[in-house]
Amino acid sequence: AAGAACVSVLRSRGTDFCVFEKARGAGGRLATRRVSGILSDQDLSYDHGAPSFEWPHSLANELSAVLPQQTVQPVNKTLFVSTPHMPQLVKDLLGTGQVKTQCEIDSVERTDGQWYLVEKQSSPTTPANRHGPFDALVITAPAPQAKKILRHVSCSWKSELDRIEYHPCWALMLS
């Protein structure tokens, strides 16, 4: 969701972008799992990961400006859910922008003021794909993954990634 929100802002400012996503689809913690074959007449689907997201009431106008009204429903003044499923929020924020799925970035490099993304090698004998050049880079992966991706980059703030704390959110899927 953080990457999709960033894309929404970049698009509103006329900036070109490309999203690299290691999974089959964008959404990260806002995911829906579909299960076939349990009931013969329909598939089951479960929203799991983050069951909702917080958005300050004072910024409600900004939320409605970037998303169709049917995408987000309030639970209370600051808590929202995405409908019909949690990934819809990310899909609407990304719009029709360029998204490369199933593309795991192993590391990034900075050469002559440009960024290059190095894809994880599929096998030791296959050379890694390199994407770029890009003028700017935004990483919205969780801190441990971001730290690994940035391991070859020297920057003063990288140690701040170690200070980020996570709080688990459990999702129980029942039928």
C-alpha atoms as a PDB file:
ATOM      1  CA  ALA A   1       0.000   0.000   0.000  1.00  0.00           C
ATOM      2  CA  ALA A   2       2.878   2.381   0.722  1.00  0.00           C
ATOM      3  CA  GLY A   3       4.316   1.886  -2.757  1.00  0.00           C
ATOM      4  CA  ALA A   4       0.909   2.321  -4.381  1.00  0.00           C
ATOM      5  CA  ALA A   5       0.269   5.512  -2.395  1.00  0.00           C
ATOM      6  CA  CYS A   6       3.663   6.824  -3.519  1.00  0.00           C
ATOM      7  CA  VAL A   7       2.777   5.998  -7.138  1.00  0.00           C
ATOM      8  CA  SER A   8      -0.504   7.883  -6.770  1.00  0.00           C
ATOM      9  CA  VAL A   9       1.359  11.009  -5.642  1.00  0.00           C
ATOM     10  CA  LEU A  10       4.000  10.652  -8.379  1.00  0.00           C
ATOM     11  CA  ARG A  11       1.310  10.231 -11.051  1.00  0.00           C
ATOM     12  CA  SER A  12      -0.536  13.341  -9.807  1.00  0.00           C
ATOM     13  CA  ARG A  13       2.712  15.276 -10.326  1.00  0.00           C
ATOM     14  CA  GLY A  14       3.252  13.967 -13.848  1.00  0.00           C
ATOM     15  CA  THR A  15       6.174  11.691 -12.984  1.00  0.00           C
ATOM     16  CA  ASP A  16       6.853   8.465 -14.877  1.00  0.00           C
ATOM     17  CA  PHE A  17       7.395   5.410 -12.694  1.00  0.00           C
ATOM     18  CA  CYS A  18       7.824   1.656 -12.760  1.00  0.00           C
ATOM     19  CA  VAL A  19       6.905  -0.639  -9.868  1.00  0.00           C
ATOM     20  CA  PHE A  20       8.853  -3.845  -9.267  1.00  0.00           C
ATOM     21  CA  GLU A  21       6.926  -6.457  -7.275  1.00  0.00           C
ATOM     22  CA  LYS A  22       8.309  -9.848  -6.254  1.00  0.00           C
ATOM     23  CA  ALA A  23       4.871 -11.456  -5.880  1.00  0.00           C
ATOM     24  CA  ARG A  24       2.306 -12.450  -8.535  1.00  0.00           C
ATOM     25  CA  GLY A  25       0.410  -9.243  -7.906  1.00  0.00           C
ATOM     26  CA  ALA A  26       0.795  -5.965  -6.074  1.00  0.00           C
ATOM     27  CA  GLY A  27      -0.735  -5.615  -2.636  1.00  0.00           C
ATOM     28  CA  GLY A  28       1.767  -6.839  -0.085  1.00  0.00           C
ATOM     29  CA  ARG A  29       0.057  -6.948   3.299  1.00  0.00           C
ATOM     30  CA  LEU A  30      -3.300  -6.184   1.683  1.00  0.00           C
ATOM     31  CA  ALA A  31      -3.963  -9.576   0.155  1.00  0.00           C
ATOM     32  CA  THR A  32      -6.828 -11.887  -0.674  1.00  0.00           C
ATOM     33  CA  ARG A  33      -6.347 -15.648  -0.757  1.00  0.00           C
ATOM     34  CA  ARG A  34      -8.671 -17.623  -3.011  1.00  0.00           C
ATOM     35  CA  VAL A  35      -9.302 -21.316  -2.406  1.00  0.00           C
ATOM     36  CA  SER A  36     -10.953 -23.497  -5.059  1.00  0.00           C
ATOM     37  CA  GLY A  37     -12.456 -26.934  -4.706  1.00  0.00           C
ATOM     38  CA  ILE A  38     -13.711 -26.684  -1.120  1.00  0.00           C
ATOM     39  CA  LEU A  39     -17.302 -25.938  -2.064  1.00  0.00           C
ATOM     40  CA  SER A  40     -18.400 -27.229  -5.446  1.00  0.00           C
ATOM     41  CA  ASP A  41     -20.502 -24.184  -6.373  1.00  0.00           C
ATOM     42  CA  GLN A  42     -18.099 -21.352  -5.471  1.00  0.00           C
ATOM     43  CA  ASP A  43     -14.542 -20.405  -4.615  1.00  0.00           C
ATOM     44  CA  LEU A  44     -13.773 -19.168  -1.134  1.00  0.00           C
ATOM     45  CA  SER A  45     -11.848 -15.946  -0.627  1.00  0.00           C
ATOM     46  CA  TYR A  46     -10.237 -14.546   2.492  1.00  0.00           C
ATOM     47  CA  ASP A  47      -8.754 -11.121   3.096  1.00  0.00           C
ATOM     48  CA  HIS A  48      -5.660 -11.708   5.165  1.00  0.00           C
ATOM     49  CA  GLY A  49      -2.659  -9.699   6.181  1.00  0.00           C
ATOM     50  CA  ALA A  50      -3.765  -6.226   7.272  1.00  0.00           C
ATOM     51  CA  PRO A  51      -7.534  -6.386   7.941  1.00  0.00           C
ATOM     52  CA  SER A  52      -7.818  -2.577   7.766  1.00  0.00           C
ATOM     53  CA  PHE A  53      -5.715   0.555   7.493  1.00  0.00           C
ATOM     54  CA  GLU A  54      -5.558   3.808   9.414  1.00  0.00           C
ATOM     55  CA  TRP A  55      -6.105   7.182   7.811  1.00  0.00           C
ATOM     56  CA  PRO A  56      -6.383  10.324   9.939  1.00  0.00           C
ATOM     57  CA  HIS A  57      -9.864  11.840   9.872  1.00  0.00           C
ATOM     58  CA  SER A  58      -8.298  15.241   9.173  1.00  0.00           C
ATOM     59  CA  LEU A  59      -7.062  13.868   5.813  1.00  0.00           C
ATOM     60  CA  ALA A  60     -10.361  12.303   4.704  1.00  0.00           C
ATOM     61  CA  ASN A  61     -10.678  14.694   1.754  1.00  0.00           C
ATOM     62  CA  GLU A  62      -7.281  13.617   0.411  1.00  0.00           C
ATOM     63  CA  LEU A  63      -8.314   9.960   0.598  1.00  0.00           C
ATOM     64  CA  SER A  64     -11.513  10.544  -1.356  1.00  0.00           C
ATOM     65  CA  ALA A  65      -9.613  12.643  -3.925  1.00  0.00           C
ATOM     66  CA  VAL A  66      -7.352   9.747  -4.974  1.00  0.00           C
ATOM     67  CA  LEU A  67      -9.734   6.790  -4.658  1.00  0.00           C
ATOM     68  CA  PRO A  68     -13.194   5.966  -5.986  1.00  0.00           C
ATOM     69  CA  GLN A  69     -15.702   6.239  -3.141  1.00  0.00           C
ATOM     70  CA  GLN A  70     -16.728   2.575  -3.420  1.00  0.00           C
ATOM     71  CA  THR A  71     -13.122   1.401  -2.879  1.00  0.00           C
ATOM     72  CA  VAL A  72     -12.791   2.500   0.745  1.00  0.00           C
ATOM     73  CA  GLN A  73     -15.357   2.129   3.507  1.00  0.00           C
ATOM     74  CA  PRO A  74     -14.969   3.566   7.026  1.00  0.00           C
ATOM     75  CA  VAL A  75     -15.008   1.306  10.065  1.00  0.00           C
ATOM     76  CA  ASN A  76     -14.764   4.308  12.384  1.00  0.00           C
ATOM     77  CA  LYS A  77     -13.297   7.834  12.155  1.00  0.00           C
ATOM     78  CA  THR A  78      -9.738   6.693  11.436  1.00  0.00           C
ATOM     79  CA  LEU A  79      -9.995   3.019  10.409  1.00  0.00           C
ATOM     80  CA  PHE A  80     -10.911   1.929   6.871  1.00  0.00           C
ATOM     81  CA  VAL A  81     -11.294  -1.242   4.819  1.00  0.00           C
ATOM     82  CA  SER A  82     -10.974  -1.666   1.085  1.00  0.00           C
ATOM     83  CA  THR A  83     -13.873  -3.178  -0.854  1.00  0.00           C
ATOM     84  CA  PRO A  84     -14.749  -5.567  -2.346  1.00  0.00           C
ATOM     85  CA  HIS A  85     -11.383  -7.001  -1.215  1.00  0.00           C
ATOM     86  CA  MET A  86      -8.302  -5.501   0.433  1.00  0.00           C
ATOM     87  CA  PRO A  87      -6.101  -5.528  -2.745  1.00  0.00           C
ATOM     88  CA  GLN A  88      -8.586  -3.213  -4.492  1.00  0.00           C
ATOM     89  CA  LEU A  89      -7.054  -0.254  -2.665  1.00  0.00           C
ATOM     90  CA  VAL A  90      -3.647  -0.994  -4.175  1.00  0.00           C
ATOM     91  CA  LYS A  91      -5.095  -1.647  -7.641  1.00  0.00           C
ATOM     92  CA  ASP A  92      -6.930   1.676  -7.632  1.00  0.00           C
ATOM     93  CA  LEU A  93      -3.890   3.595  -6.387  1.00  0.00           C
ATOM     94  CA  LEU A  94      -1.621   2.003  -9.012  1.00  0.00           C
ATOM     95  CA  GLY A  95      -4.081   2.621 -11.830  1.00  0.00           C
ATOM     96  CA  THR A  96      -2.704   1.699 -15.233  1.00  0.00           C
ATOM     97  CA  GLY A  97       0.937   2.374 -14.348  1.00  0.00           C
ATOM     98  CA  GLN A  98       3.774   0.047 -15.257  1.00  0.00           C
ATOM     99  CA  VAL A  99       4.071  -2.811 -12.749  1.00  0.00           C
ATOM    100  CA  LYS A 100       6.552  -5.657 -13.213  1.00  0.00           C
ATOM    101  CA  THR A 101       5.350  -8.611 -11.136  1.00  0.00           C
ATOM    102  CA  GLN A 102       7.313 -11.710 -10.146  1.00  0.00           C
ATOM    103  CA  CYS A 103      10.462  -9.591 -10.294  1.00  0.00           C
ATOM    104  CA  GLU A 104      12.451  -9.849  -7.056  1.00  0.00           C
ATOM    105  CA  ILE A 105      15.079  -7.142  -6.725  1.00  0.00           C
ATOM    106  CA  ASP A 106      18.218  -8.445  -5.033  1.00  0.00           C
ATOM    107  CA  SER A 107      20.197  -5.191  -4.868  1.00  0.00           C
ATOM    108  CA  VAL A 108      20.460  -1.654  -6.195  1.00  0.00           C
ATOM    109  CA  GLU A 109      23.454   0.222  -7.566  1.00  0.00           C
ATOM    110  CA  ARG A 110      24.140   3.899  -8.120  1.00  0.00           C
ATOM    111  CA  THR A 111      26.334   4.751 -11.109  1.00  0.00           C
ATOM    112  CA  ASP A 112      26.891   8.245 -12.566  1.00  0.00           C
ATOM    113  CA  GLY A 113      23.921   9.642 -10.626  1.00  0.00           C
ATOM    114  CA  GLN A 114      21.507   6.971 -11.888  1.00  0.00           C
ATOM    115  CA  TRP A 115      19.933   4.012 -10.100  1.00  0.00           C
ATOM    116  CA  TYR A 116      20.025   0.443 -11.405  1.00  0.00           C
ATOM    117  CA  LEU A 117      18.063  -2.478  -9.986  1.00  0.00           C
ATOM    118  CA  VAL A 118      19.615  -5.935 -10.040  1.00  0.00           C
ATOM    119  CA  GLU A 119      17.110  -8.767 -10.167  1.00  0.00           C
ATOM    120  CA  LYS A 120      17.638 -11.915  -8.106  1.00  0.00           C
ATOM    121  CA  GLN A 121      19.325 -14.583 -10.215  1.00  0.00           C
ATOM    122  CA  SER A 122      17.084 -17.480 -11.194  1.00  0.00           C
ATOM    123  CA  SER A 123      20.107 -19.822 -11.202  1.00  0.00           C
ATOM    124  CA  PRO A 124      23.843 -19.489 -10.483  1.00  0.00           C
ATOM    125  CA  THR A 125      24.672 -19.889 -14.190  1.00  0.00           C
ATOM    126  CA  THR A 126      22.174 -17.290 -15.436  1.00  0.00           C
ATOM    127  CA  PRO A 127      23.258 -13.619 -15.341  1.00  0.00           C
ATOM    128  CA  ALA A 128      21.021 -11.362 -13.279  1.00  0.00           C
ATOM    129  CA  ASN A 129      18.729  -8.951 -15.136  1.00  0.00           C
ATOM    130  CA  ARG A 130      19.588  -5.300 -14.573  1.00  0.00           C
ATOM    131  CA  HIS A 131      16.882  -2.625 -14.812  1.00  0.00           C
ATOM    132  CA  GLY A 132      17.476   1.081 -15.307  1.00  0.00           C
ATOM    133  CA  PRO A 133      18.698   3.697 -15.414  1.00  0.00           C
ATOM    134  CA  PHE A 134      16.287   5.516 -13.100  1.00  0.00           C
ATOM    135  CA  ASP A 135      16.586   9.078 -11.792  1.00  0.00           C
ATOM    136  CA  ALA A 136      15.109   8.298  -8.380  1.00  0.00           C
ATOM    137  CA  LEU A 137      14.412   5.266  -6.233  1.00  0.00           C
ATOM    138  CA  VAL A 138      11.724   4.616  -3.613  1.00  0.00           C
ATOM    139  CA  ILE A 139      11.816   1.406  -1.587  1.00  0.00           C
ATOM    140  CA  THR A 140       8.684   0.456   0.328  1.00  0.00           C
ATOM    141  CA  ALA A 141       9.727  -3.087   1.225  1.00  0.00           C
ATOM    142  CA  PRO A 142       9.836  -3.945   4.937  1.00  0.00           C
ATOM    143  CA  ALA A 143      12.996  -2.692   6.639  1.00  0.00           C
ATOM    144  CA  PRO A 144      14.885  -6.038   6.725  1.00  0.00           C
ATOM    145  CA  GLN A 145      14.295  -6.503   2.986  1.00  0.00           C
ATOM    146  CA  ALA A 146      15.149  -2.866   2.233  1.00  0.00           C
ATOM    147  CA  LYS A 147      18.405  -3.211   4.163  1.00  0.00           C
ATOM    148  CA  LYS A 148      19.364  -6.254   2.112  1.00  0.00           C
ATOM    149  CA  ILE A 149      18.500  -4.495  -1.174  1.00  0.00           C
ATOM    150  CA  LEU A 150      20.574  -1.452  -0.135  1.00  0.00           C
ATOM    151  CA  ARG A 151      23.590  -3.459   1.066  1.00  0.00           C
ATOM    152  CA  HIS A 152      25.885  -2.106  -1.708  1.00  0.00           C
ATOM    153  CA  VAL A 153      24.772   1.518  -1.263  1.00  0.00           C
ATOM    154  CA  SER A 154      26.553   3.876   1.096  1.00  0.00           C
ATOM    155  CA  CYS A 155      24.198   6.321   2.807  1.00  0.00           C
ATOM    156  CA  SER A 156      24.060   7.968   6.213  1.00  0.00           C
ATOM    157  CA  TRP A 157      20.507   6.914   7.089  1.00  0.00           C
ATOM    158  CA  LYS A 158      20.689   3.166   6.308  1.00  0.00           C
ATOM    159  CA  SER A 159      21.342   2.319   9.973  1.00  0.00           C
ATOM    160  CA  GLU A 160      17.917   3.797  10.823  1.00  0.00           C
ATOM    161  CA  LEU A 161      16.350   0.696   9.246  1.00  0.00           C
ATOM    162  CA  ASP A 162      17.529  -1.302  12.277  1.00  0.00           C
ATOM    163  CA  ARG A 163      15.387   0.846  14.589  1.00  0.00           C
ATOM    164  CA  ILE A 164      12.073   0.026  12.896  1.00  0.00           C
ATOM    165  CA  GLU A 165       9.825  -2.178  15.020  1.00  0.00           C
ATOM    166  CA  TYR A 166       7.020  -4.364  13.742  1.00  0.00           C
ATOM    167  CA  HIS A 167       3.827  -5.352  15.492  1.00  0.00           C
ATOM    168  CA  PRO A 168       2.167  -8.553  14.297  1.00  0.00           C
ATOM    169  CA  CYS A 169      -1.412  -8.677  13.116  1.00  0.00           C
ATOM    170  CA  TRP A 170      -2.989 -12.090  13.032  1.00  0.00           C
ATOM    171  CA  ALA A 171      -5.665 -13.094  10.519  1.00  0.00           C
ATOM    172  CA  LEU A 172      -7.785 -16.182  11.053  1.00  0.00           C
ATOM    173  CA  MET A 173      -9.447 -17.647   7.954  1.00  0.00           C
ATOM    174  CA  LEU A 174     -12.538 -19.739   8.740  1.00  0.00           C
ATOM    175  CA  SER A 175     -15.248 -21.359   6.623  1.00  0.00           C
END
